[in-house]
Amino acid sequence: MEFTPETVKQLIEKKIAFVERMGLKVLELMPGHVKLMAPLEGNENHIGSMYAGALFTLAEIPGGALFLTTFDPSKCYPVIKELTIKFLRPAGSSITTEIFLSKEEVERIIRDLSDKGKAEFVLHGELKDLAGTVVAESHGVYQVRSTDKTWAVVDSRIT
């Protein structure tokens, strides 16, 4: 399968049924940079602001999206190791998040993947309402792992 920008967009928006039901949309998609949006409509909680689970999903999905735009899925796959979110204020509108990986960080990840069969990286995100107010902050620890099975023996010994 060729991972064109349109293919990646479809995978992000349609592959996971929950994500599709919540109406998550890709706004920007390029190597090292992803911007996504979740609409308030359909994701409201009992007080009319965005449901915490929808905000959490919006914070988590960019890691996979960034992987698909930046790395070769035929050579490695992503794993999320940890995601924390700090809710700062009620989200009363649609929410966006934008995630970046620098060229230097991408190069480091590729080197580690080549040398060790896996590489860990951290993504920090801000979830913003339509006025640009930060309503939540996320901290995700991700890992890419080689699809080369010879690394499996090494992986089982590394903690």
N, C-alpha and C. Protein backbone atom coordinates (compact mmCIF):
# COMPACT_ATOMS: atom_id res chain seq x y z
N MET A 1 0.83 -1.18 0.00
CA MET A 1 0.00 0.00 0.00
C MET A 1 0.88 1.24 0.00
N GLU A 2 0.57 2.17 -0.89
CA GLU A 2 1.30 3.44 -0.93
C GLU A 2 0.65 4.42 0.03
N PHE A 3 1.46 5.07 0.85
CA PHE A 3 0.97 6.00 1.85
C PHE A 3 1.04 7.43 1.34
N THR A 4 0.10 7.78 0.45
CA THR A 4 -0.01 9.15 -0.04
C THR A 4 -0.67 9.98 1.06
N PRO A 5 -0.58 11.30 0.97
CA PRO A 5 -1.27 12.13 1.97
C PRO A 5 -2.77 11.80 2.07
N GLU A 6 -3.42 11.54 0.96
CA GLU A 6 -4.86 11.22 1.00
C GLU A 6 -5.10 9.86 1.67
N THR A 7 -4.24 8.89 1.39
CA THR A 7 -4.36 7.57 2.04
C THR A 7 -4.18 7.71 3.54
N VAL A 8 -3.19 8.46 3.97
CA VAL A 8 -2.94 8.67 5.41
C VAL A 8 -4.13 9.38 6.04
N LYS A 9 -4.65 10.39 5.37
CA LYS A 9 -5.83 11.12 5.87
C LYS A 9 -7.00 10.15 6.09
N GLN A 10 -7.24 9.30 5.11
CA GLN A 10 -8.33 8.32 5.22
C GLN A 10 -8.10 7.34 6.37
N LEU A 11 -6.85 6.88 6.52
CA LEU A 11 -6.53 5.97 7.62
C LEU A 11 -6.80 6.63 8.98
N ILE A 12 -6.39 7.88 9.11
CA ILE A 12 -6.57 8.59 10.38
C ILE A 12 -8.04 8.83 10.68
N GLU A 13 -8.78 9.29 9.69
CA GLU A 13 -10.18 9.67 9.90
C GLU A 13 -11.14 8.50 9.89
N LYS A 14 -10.82 7.39 9.20
CA LYS A 14 -11.80 6.32 8.97
C LYS A 14 -11.44 4.95 9.52
N LYS A 15 -10.17 4.65 9.78
CA LYS A 15 -9.76 3.29 10.14
C LYS A 15 -10.27 2.85 11.50
N ILE A 16 -10.28 3.75 12.47
CA ILE A 16 -10.75 3.40 13.82
C ILE A 16 -12.18 3.91 13.94
N ALA A 17 -13.12 2.99 14.15
CA ALA A 17 -14.54 3.35 14.15
C ALA A 17 -14.87 4.46 15.15
N PHE A 18 -14.30 4.41 16.34
CA PHE A 18 -14.56 5.44 17.35
C PHE A 18 -14.12 6.81 16.85
N VAL A 19 -12.95 6.88 16.24
CA VAL A 19 -12.42 8.14 15.73
C VAL A 19 -13.33 8.67 14.61
N GLU A 20 -13.79 7.78 13.75
CA GLU A 20 -14.70 8.20 12.69
C GLU A 20 -16.01 8.73 13.28
N ARG A 21 -16.57 8.02 14.28
CA ARG A 21 -17.83 8.47 14.91
C ARG A 21 -17.67 9.84 15.57
N MET A 22 -16.50 10.12 16.14
CA MET A 22 -16.32 11.42 16.81
C MET A 22 -16.09 12.56 15.83
N GLY A 23 -15.86 12.23 14.55
CA GLY A 23 -15.74 13.25 13.52
C GLY A 23 -14.38 13.92 13.45
N LEU A 24 -13.35 13.28 13.98
CA LEU A 24 -12.00 13.85 13.93
C LEU A 24 -11.60 14.12 12.49
N LYS A 25 -10.99 15.28 12.24
CA LYS A 25 -10.59 15.68 10.90
C LYS A 25 -9.11 16.06 10.87
N VAL A 26 -8.47 15.72 9.77
CA VAL A 26 -7.09 16.12 9.51
C VAL A 26 -7.12 17.51 8.90
N LEU A 27 -6.39 18.43 9.49
CA LEU A 27 -6.28 19.79 8.95
C LEU A 27 -4.96 19.99 8.21
N GLU A 28 -3.87 19.45 8.75
CA GLU A 28 -2.56 19.54 8.11
C GLU A 28 -1.83 18.22 8.33
N LEU A 29 -1.10 17.79 7.32
CA LEU A 29 -0.45 16.49 7.37
C LEU A 29 0.80 16.54 6.50
N MET A 30 1.97 16.50 7.15
CA MET A 30 3.23 16.49 6.42
C MET A 30 4.29 15.84 7.31
N PRO A 31 5.42 15.45 6.75
CA PRO A 31 6.46 14.84 7.58
C PRO A 31 6.83 15.76 8.75
N GLY A 32 6.77 15.20 9.96
CA GLY A 32 7.16 15.95 11.15
C GLY A 32 6.12 16.93 11.66
N HIS A 33 4.94 16.97 11.05
CA HIS A 33 3.93 17.95 11.46
C HIS A 33 2.52 17.44 11.17
N VAL A 34 1.67 17.50 12.19
CA VAL A 34 0.27 17.07 12.06
C VAL A 34 -0.61 18.05 12.82
N LYS A 35 -1.73 18.43 12.22
CA LYS A 35 -2.73 19.24 12.91
C LYS A 35 -4.09 18.58 12.70
N LEU A 36 -4.77 18.30 13.81
CA LEU A 36 -6.06 17.62 13.78
C LEU A 36 -7.11 18.45 14.51
N MET A 37 -8.40 18.15 14.23
CA MET A 37 -9.50 18.86 14.87
C MET A 37 -10.60 17.86 15.24
N ALA A 38 -11.18 18.08 16.42
CA ALA A 38 -12.36 17.33 16.84
C ALA A 38 -13.50 18.33 17.03
N PRO A 39 -14.66 18.07 16.42
CA PRO A 39 -15.78 18.99 16.57
C PRO A 39 -16.44 18.83 17.95
N LEU A 40 -16.98 19.92 18.45
CA LEU A 40 -17.73 19.83 19.70
C LEU A 40 -19.01 19.04 19.48
N GLU A 41 -19.68 19.31 18.36
CA GLU A 41 -20.96 18.64 18.08
C GLU A 41 -20.78 17.12 18.03
N GLY A 42 -21.55 16.42 18.82
CA GLY A 42 -21.48 14.97 18.90
C GLY A 42 -20.51 14.46 19.95
N ASN A 43 -19.72 15.36 20.53
CA ASN A 43 -18.73 14.98 21.53
C ASN A 43 -18.96 15.69 22.87
N GLU A 44 -20.19 16.18 23.08
CA GLU A 44 -20.49 16.91 24.30
C GLU A 44 -20.68 15.97 25.49
N ASN A 45 -20.34 16.48 26.67
CA ASN A 45 -20.60 15.74 27.90
C ASN A 45 -21.91 16.26 28.52
N HIS A 46 -22.16 15.90 29.77
CA HIS A 46 -23.41 16.25 30.45
C HIS A 46 -23.56 17.73 30.75
N ILE A 47 -22.48 18.52 30.62
CA ILE A 47 -22.59 19.96 30.87
C ILE A 47 -22.39 20.78 29.59
N GLY A 48 -22.30 20.11 28.45
CA GLY A 48 -22.23 20.81 27.18
C GLY A 48 -20.83 21.12 26.67
N SER A 49 -19.80 20.78 27.43
CA SER A 49 -18.44 20.96 26.93
C SER A 49 -17.97 19.62 26.34
N MET A 50 -16.78 19.63 25.75
CA MET A 50 -16.31 18.40 25.10
C MET A 50 -15.98 17.34 26.14
N TYR A 51 -16.44 16.14 25.86
CA TYR A 51 -16.22 14.97 26.71
C TYR A 51 -14.72 14.69 26.83
N ALA A 52 -14.27 14.37 28.03
CA ALA A 52 -12.85 14.14 28.30
C ALA A 52 -12.28 13.02 27.43
N GLY A 53 -13.05 11.99 27.15
CA GLY A 53 -12.58 10.90 26.29
C GLY A 53 -12.31 11.36 24.87
N ALA A 54 -13.11 12.29 24.37
CA ALA A 54 -12.87 12.84 23.03
C ALA A 54 -11.58 13.67 23.03
N LEU A 55 -11.36 14.44 24.08
CA LEU A 55 -10.12 15.21 24.19
C LEU A 55 -8.91 14.28 24.28
N PHE A 56 -9.04 13.21 25.04
CA PHE A 56 -7.95 12.24 25.17
C PHE A 56 -7.63 11.62 23.80
N THR A 57 -8.67 11.25 23.06
CA THR A 57 -8.47 10.67 21.74
C THR A 57 -7.78 11.66 20.81
N LEU A 58 -8.22 12.92 20.85
CA LEU A 58 -7.58 13.95 20.04
C LEU A 58 -6.11 14.13 20.42
N ALA A 59 -5.76 13.90 21.67
CA ALA A 59 -4.37 14.01 22.11
C ALA A 59 -3.55 12.79 21.69
N GLU A 60 -4.18 11.62 21.56
CA GLU A 60 -3.46 10.38 21.27
C GLU A 60 -3.23 10.13 19.78
N ILE A 61 -4.20 10.42 18.96
CA ILE A 61 -4.15 10.10 17.53
C ILE A 61 -2.99 10.76 16.79
N PRO A 62 -2.57 11.99 17.13
CA PRO A 62 -1.48 12.60 16.36
C PRO A 62 -0.18 11.79 16.35
N GLY A 63 0.09 11.00 17.37
CA GLY A 63 1.30 10.19 17.38
C GLY A 63 1.31 9.19 16.23
N GLY A 64 0.19 8.53 16.00
CA GLY A 64 0.07 7.60 14.88
C GLY A 64 0.10 8.32 13.54
N ALA A 65 -0.57 9.47 13.48
CA ALA A 65 -0.59 10.25 12.25
C ALA A 65 0.82 10.72 11.90
N LEU A 66 1.53 11.20 12.90
CA LEU A 66 2.90 11.66 12.69
C LEU A 66 3.79 10.52 12.21
N PHE A 67 3.59 9.34 12.80
CA PHE A 67 4.34 8.17 12.37
C PHE A 67 4.12 7.92 10.87
N LEU A 68 2.86 7.92 10.44
CA LEU A 68 2.54 7.61 9.04
C LEU A 68 3.09 8.64 8.07
N THR A 69 3.24 9.88 8.49
CA THR A 69 3.75 10.92 7.59
C THR A 69 5.27 11.02 7.61
N THR A 70 5.92 10.42 8.61
CA THR A 70 7.34 10.68 8.84
C THR A 70 8.22 9.45 8.68
N PHE A 71 7.69 8.27 8.96
CA PHE A 71 8.48 7.05 8.93
C PHE A 71 7.93 6.05 7.91
N ASP A 72 8.71 5.04 7.63
CA ASP A 72 8.33 4.03 6.63
C ASP A 72 7.59 2.88 7.32
N PRO A 73 6.26 2.79 7.15
CA PRO A 73 5.49 1.73 7.82
C PRO A 73 5.86 0.32 7.39
N SER A 74 6.60 0.17 6.29
CA SER A 74 7.02 -1.18 5.89
C SER A 74 8.25 -1.63 6.69
N LYS A 75 8.90 -0.69 7.39
CA LYS A 75 10.11 -1.01 8.14
C LYS A 75 9.95 -0.92 9.65
N CYS A 76 8.87 -0.27 10.10
CA CYS A 76 8.67 -0.12 11.54
C CYS A 76 7.20 0.15 11.84
N TYR A 77 6.85 0.03 13.11
CA TYR A 77 5.47 0.31 13.53
C TYR A 77 5.51 1.06 14.87
N PRO A 78 4.46 1.84 15.15
CA PRO A 78 4.44 2.64 16.37
C PRO A 78 3.75 1.93 17.53
N VAL A 79 4.16 2.30 18.73
CA VAL A 79 3.52 1.83 19.97
C VAL A 79 3.44 3.04 20.89
N ILE A 80 2.31 3.23 21.53
CA ILE A 80 2.23 4.28 22.53
C ILE A 80 2.52 3.64 23.89
N LYS A 81 3.45 4.20 24.61
CA LYS A 81 3.84 3.66 25.90
C LYS A 81 3.15 4.37 27.05
N GLU A 82 2.89 5.65 26.87
CA GLU A 82 2.30 6.44 27.95
C GLU A 82 1.66 7.68 27.37
N LEU A 83 0.51 8.06 27.87
CA LEU A 83 -0.10 9.33 27.49
C LEU A 83 -0.78 9.91 28.71
N THR A 84 -0.38 11.13 29.05
CA THR A 84 -1.04 11.84 30.14
C THR A 84 -1.64 13.11 29.57
N ILE A 85 -2.73 13.52 30.17
CA ILE A 85 -3.40 14.73 29.74
C ILE A 85 -3.77 15.54 30.96
N LYS A 86 -3.55 16.82 30.86
CA LYS A 86 -3.91 17.74 31.94
C LYS A 86 -5.03 18.63 31.41
N PHE A 87 -6.21 18.49 32.00
CA PHE A 87 -7.35 19.29 31.59
C PHE A 87 -7.27 20.64 32.32
N LEU A 88 -7.26 21.72 31.56
CA LEU A 88 -7.07 23.06 32.13
C LEU A 88 -8.38 23.84 32.28
N ARG A 89 -9.29 23.65 31.33
CA ARG A 89 -10.58 24.36 31.38
C ARG A 89 -11.56 23.64 30.47
N PRO A 90 -12.86 23.86 30.66
CA PRO A 90 -13.84 23.21 29.78
C PRO A 90 -13.64 23.62 28.32
N ALA A 91 -13.83 22.68 27.44
CA ALA A 91 -13.69 22.91 26.00
C ALA A 91 -15.08 23.17 25.43
N GLY A 92 -15.39 24.42 25.17
CA GLY A 92 -16.72 24.79 24.72
C GLY A 92 -16.86 25.00 23.23
N SER A 93 -15.90 24.54 22.45
CA SER A 93 -15.96 24.65 20.99
C SER A 93 -15.22 23.46 20.40
N SER A 94 -15.14 23.43 19.09
CA SER A 94 -14.28 22.43 18.44
C SER A 94 -12.85 22.68 18.92
N ILE A 95 -12.04 21.61 18.92
CA ILE A 95 -10.69 21.67 19.48
C ILE A 95 -9.69 21.20 18.44
N THR A 96 -8.54 21.87 18.40
CA THR A 96 -7.45 21.45 17.52
C THR A 96 -6.22 21.10 18.35
N THR A 97 -5.38 20.29 17.76
CA THR A 97 -4.05 20.02 18.32
C THR A 97 -3.06 19.93 17.18
N GLU A 98 -1.86 20.37 17.44
CA GLU A 98 -0.81 20.41 16.45
C GLU A 98 0.45 19.82 17.08
N ILE A 99 1.06 18.86 16.39
CA ILE A 99 2.23 18.15 16.91
C ILE A 99 3.37 18.27 15.90
N PHE A 100 4.58 18.45 16.43
CA PHE A 100 5.77 18.59 15.59
C PHE A 100 6.89 17.65 16.05
N LEU A 101 7.67 17.18 15.11
CA LEU A 101 8.95 16.52 15.37
C LEU A 101 9.99 17.23 14.51
N SER A 102 11.06 17.70 15.11
CA SER A 102 12.11 18.38 14.35
C SER A 102 12.83 17.39 13.43
N LYS A 103 13.47 17.93 12.42
CA LYS A 103 14.27 17.11 11.50
C LYS A 103 15.35 16.36 12.28
N GLU A 104 15.97 17.04 13.25
CA GLU A 104 17.03 16.41 14.06
C GLU A 104 16.49 15.26 14.89
N GLU A 105 15.29 15.43 15.44
CA GLU A 105 14.69 14.36 16.24
C GLU A 105 14.31 13.18 15.35
N VAL A 106 13.79 13.45 14.18
CA VAL A 106 13.46 12.37 13.23
C VAL A 106 14.73 11.60 12.88
N GLU A 107 15.81 12.31 12.61
CA GLU A 107 17.09 11.65 12.28
C GLU A 107 17.59 10.80 13.45
N ARG A 108 17.45 11.31 14.68
CA ARG A 108 17.86 10.53 15.86
C ARG A 108 17.03 9.27 15.98
N ILE A 109 15.72 9.39 15.78
CA ILE A 109 14.83 8.23 15.88
C ILE A 109 15.22 7.18 14.84
N ILE A 110 15.49 7.60 13.62
CA ILE A 110 15.88 6.67 12.57
C ILE A 110 17.21 5.99 12.91
N ARG A 111 18.16 6.75 13.46
CA ARG A 111 19.45 6.15 13.88
C ARG A 111 19.23 5.10 14.97
N ASP A 112 18.46 5.47 16.01
CA ASP A 112 18.19 4.53 17.09
C ASP A 112 17.48 3.28 16.59
N LEU A 113 16.53 3.47 15.69
CA LEU A 113 15.80 2.34 15.12
C LEU A 113 16.76 1.42 14.38
N SER A 114 17.66 2.01 13.62
CA SER A 114 18.64 1.23 12.88
C SER A 114 19.62 0.52 13.80
N ASP A 115 20.08 1.22 14.85
CA ASP A 115 21.09 0.66 15.76
C ASP A 115 20.52 -0.34 16.77
N LYS A 116 19.30 -0.07 17.26
CA LYS A 116 18.75 -0.83 18.38
C LYS A 116 17.48 -1.61 18.06
N GLY A 117 16.89 -1.36 16.89
CA GLY A 117 15.65 -2.05 16.54
C GLY A 117 14.41 -1.35 17.10
N LYS A 118 14.61 -0.27 17.84
CA LYS A 118 13.49 0.51 18.35
C LYS A 118 14.00 1.89 18.76
N ALA A 119 13.08 2.81 18.87
CA ALA A 119 13.44 4.18 19.27
C ALA A 119 12.26 4.80 19.99
N GLU A 120 12.57 5.51 21.05
CA GLU A 120 11.54 6.17 21.84
C GLU A 120 11.59 7.67 21.59
N PHE A 121 10.42 8.30 21.65
CA PHE A 121 10.35 9.76 21.52
C PHE A 121 9.15 10.29 22.27
N VAL A 122 9.18 11.58 22.55
CA VAL A 122 8.14 12.23 23.34
C VAL A 122 7.46 13.29 22.48
N LEU A 123 6.15 13.34 22.59
CA LEU A 123 5.36 14.37 21.91
C LEU A 123 4.58 15.16 22.95
N HIS A 124 4.73 16.47 22.90
CA HIS A 124 3.95 17.37 23.75
C HIS A 124 2.91 18.04 22.87
N GLY A 125 1.69 18.12 23.40
CA GLY A 125 0.64 18.76 22.63
C GLY A 125 -0.16 19.75 23.44
N GLU A 126 -0.70 20.71 22.75
CA GLU A 126 -1.65 21.64 23.34
C GLU A 126 -2.96 21.48 22.58
N LEU A 127 -4.03 21.31 23.30
CA LEU A 127 -5.35 21.23 22.71
C LEU A 127 -6.00 22.59 22.88
N LYS A 128 -6.38 23.21 21.75
CA LYS A 128 -6.84 24.59 21.78
C LYS A 128 -8.27 24.71 21.24
N ASP A 129 -9.03 25.63 21.86
CA ASP A 129 -10.37 25.91 21.36
C ASP A 129 -10.27 26.87 20.16
N LEU A 130 -11.41 27.22 19.61
CA LEU A 130 -11.41 28.06 18.40
C LEU A 130 -10.84 29.45 18.64
N ALA A 131 -10.85 29.91 19.89
CA ALA A 131 -10.27 31.22 20.23
C ALA A 131 -8.76 31.13 20.44
N GLY A 132 -8.20 29.92 20.39
CA GLY A 132 -6.77 29.73 20.61
C GLY A 132 -6.38 29.50 22.05
N THR A 133 -7.38 29.37 22.93
CA THR A 133 -7.12 29.12 24.35
C THR A 133 -6.76 27.65 24.55
N VAL A 134 -5.70 27.39 25.28
CA VAL A 134 -5.29 26.01 25.57
C VAL A 134 -6.24 25.45 26.64
N VAL A 135 -6.95 24.38 26.29
CA VAL A 135 -7.91 23.76 27.21
C VAL A 135 -7.32 22.51 27.86
N ALA A 136 -6.27 21.95 27.24
CA ALA A 136 -5.63 20.75 27.79
C ALA A 136 -4.22 20.65 27.23
N GLU A 137 -3.35 19.97 27.97
CA GLU A 137 -1.99 19.71 27.54
C GLU A 137 -1.75 18.21 27.61
N SER A 138 -1.03 17.68 26.62
CA SER A 138 -0.75 16.24 26.60
C SER A 138 0.74 15.99 26.56
N HIS A 139 1.11 14.83 27.07
CA HIS A 139 2.50 14.37 27.09
C HIS A 139 2.45 12.89 26.72
N GLY A 140 2.97 12.55 25.56
CA GLY A 140 2.93 11.16 25.10
C GLY A 140 4.33 10.61 24.89
N VAL A 141 4.53 9.38 25.36
CA VAL A 141 5.78 8.66 25.12
C VAL A 141 5.46 7.58 24.10
N TYR A 142 6.13 7.67 22.97
CA TYR A 142 5.90 6.75 21.86
C TYR A 142 7.18 5.97 21.58
N GLN A 143 7.00 4.88 20.86
CA GLN A 143 8.15 4.09 20.43
C GLN A 143 7.85 3.58 19.03
N VAL A 144 8.87 3.57 18.19
CA VAL A 144 8.78 2.88 16.91
C VAL A 144 9.66 1.65 17.03
N ARG A 145 9.14 0.55 16.49
CA ARG A 145 9.87 -0.73 16.54
C ARG A 145 10.06 -1.27 15.14
N SER A 146 11.20 -1.85 14.91
CA SER A 146 11.53 -2.41 13.62
C SER A 146 10.65 -3.61 13.31
N THR A 147 10.27 -3.75 12.04
CA THR A 147 9.54 -4.95 11.61
C THR A 147 10.51 -6.10 11.33
N ASP A 148 11.80 -5.82 11.38
CA ASP A 148 12.84 -6.83 11.20
C ASP A 148 12.81 -7.76 12.42
N LYS A 149 12.44 -8.99 12.24
CA LYS A 149 12.25 -9.94 13.35
C LYS A 149 13.56 -10.30 14.06
N THR A 150 14.71 -10.02 13.46
CA THR A 150 15.96 -10.35 14.14
C THR A 150 16.12 -9.51 15.40
N TRP A 151 15.42 -8.37 15.48
CA TRP A 151 15.50 -7.53 16.68
C TRP A 151 14.67 -8.11 17.83
N ALA A 152 13.78 -9.05 17.55
CA ALA A 152 12.91 -9.59 18.59
C ALA A 152 13.70 -10.20 19.74
N VAL A 153 14.80 -10.87 19.44
CA VAL A 153 15.62 -11.47 20.48
C VAL A 153 16.23 -10.38 21.37
N VAL A 154 16.74 -9.34 20.74
CA VAL A 154 17.32 -8.22 21.50
C VAL A 154 16.23 -7.54 22.32
N ASP A 155 15.06 -7.31 21.74
CA ASP A 155 13.96 -6.64 22.44
C ASP A 155 13.57 -7.39 23.71
N SER A 156 13.59 -8.71 23.69
CA SER A 156 13.16 -9.46 24.86
C SER A 156 14.12 -9.31 26.04
N ARG A 157 15.33 -8.86 25.78
CA ARG A 157 16.32 -8.69 26.86
C ARG A 157 16.43 -7.24 27.33
N ILE A 158 15.92 -6.32 26.57
CA ILE A 158 16.01 -4.90 26.94
C ILE A 158 14.75 -4.50 27.68
N THR A 159 14.93 -3.83 28.82
CA THR A 159 13.76 -3.39 29.57
C THR A 159 13.57 -1.90 29.43
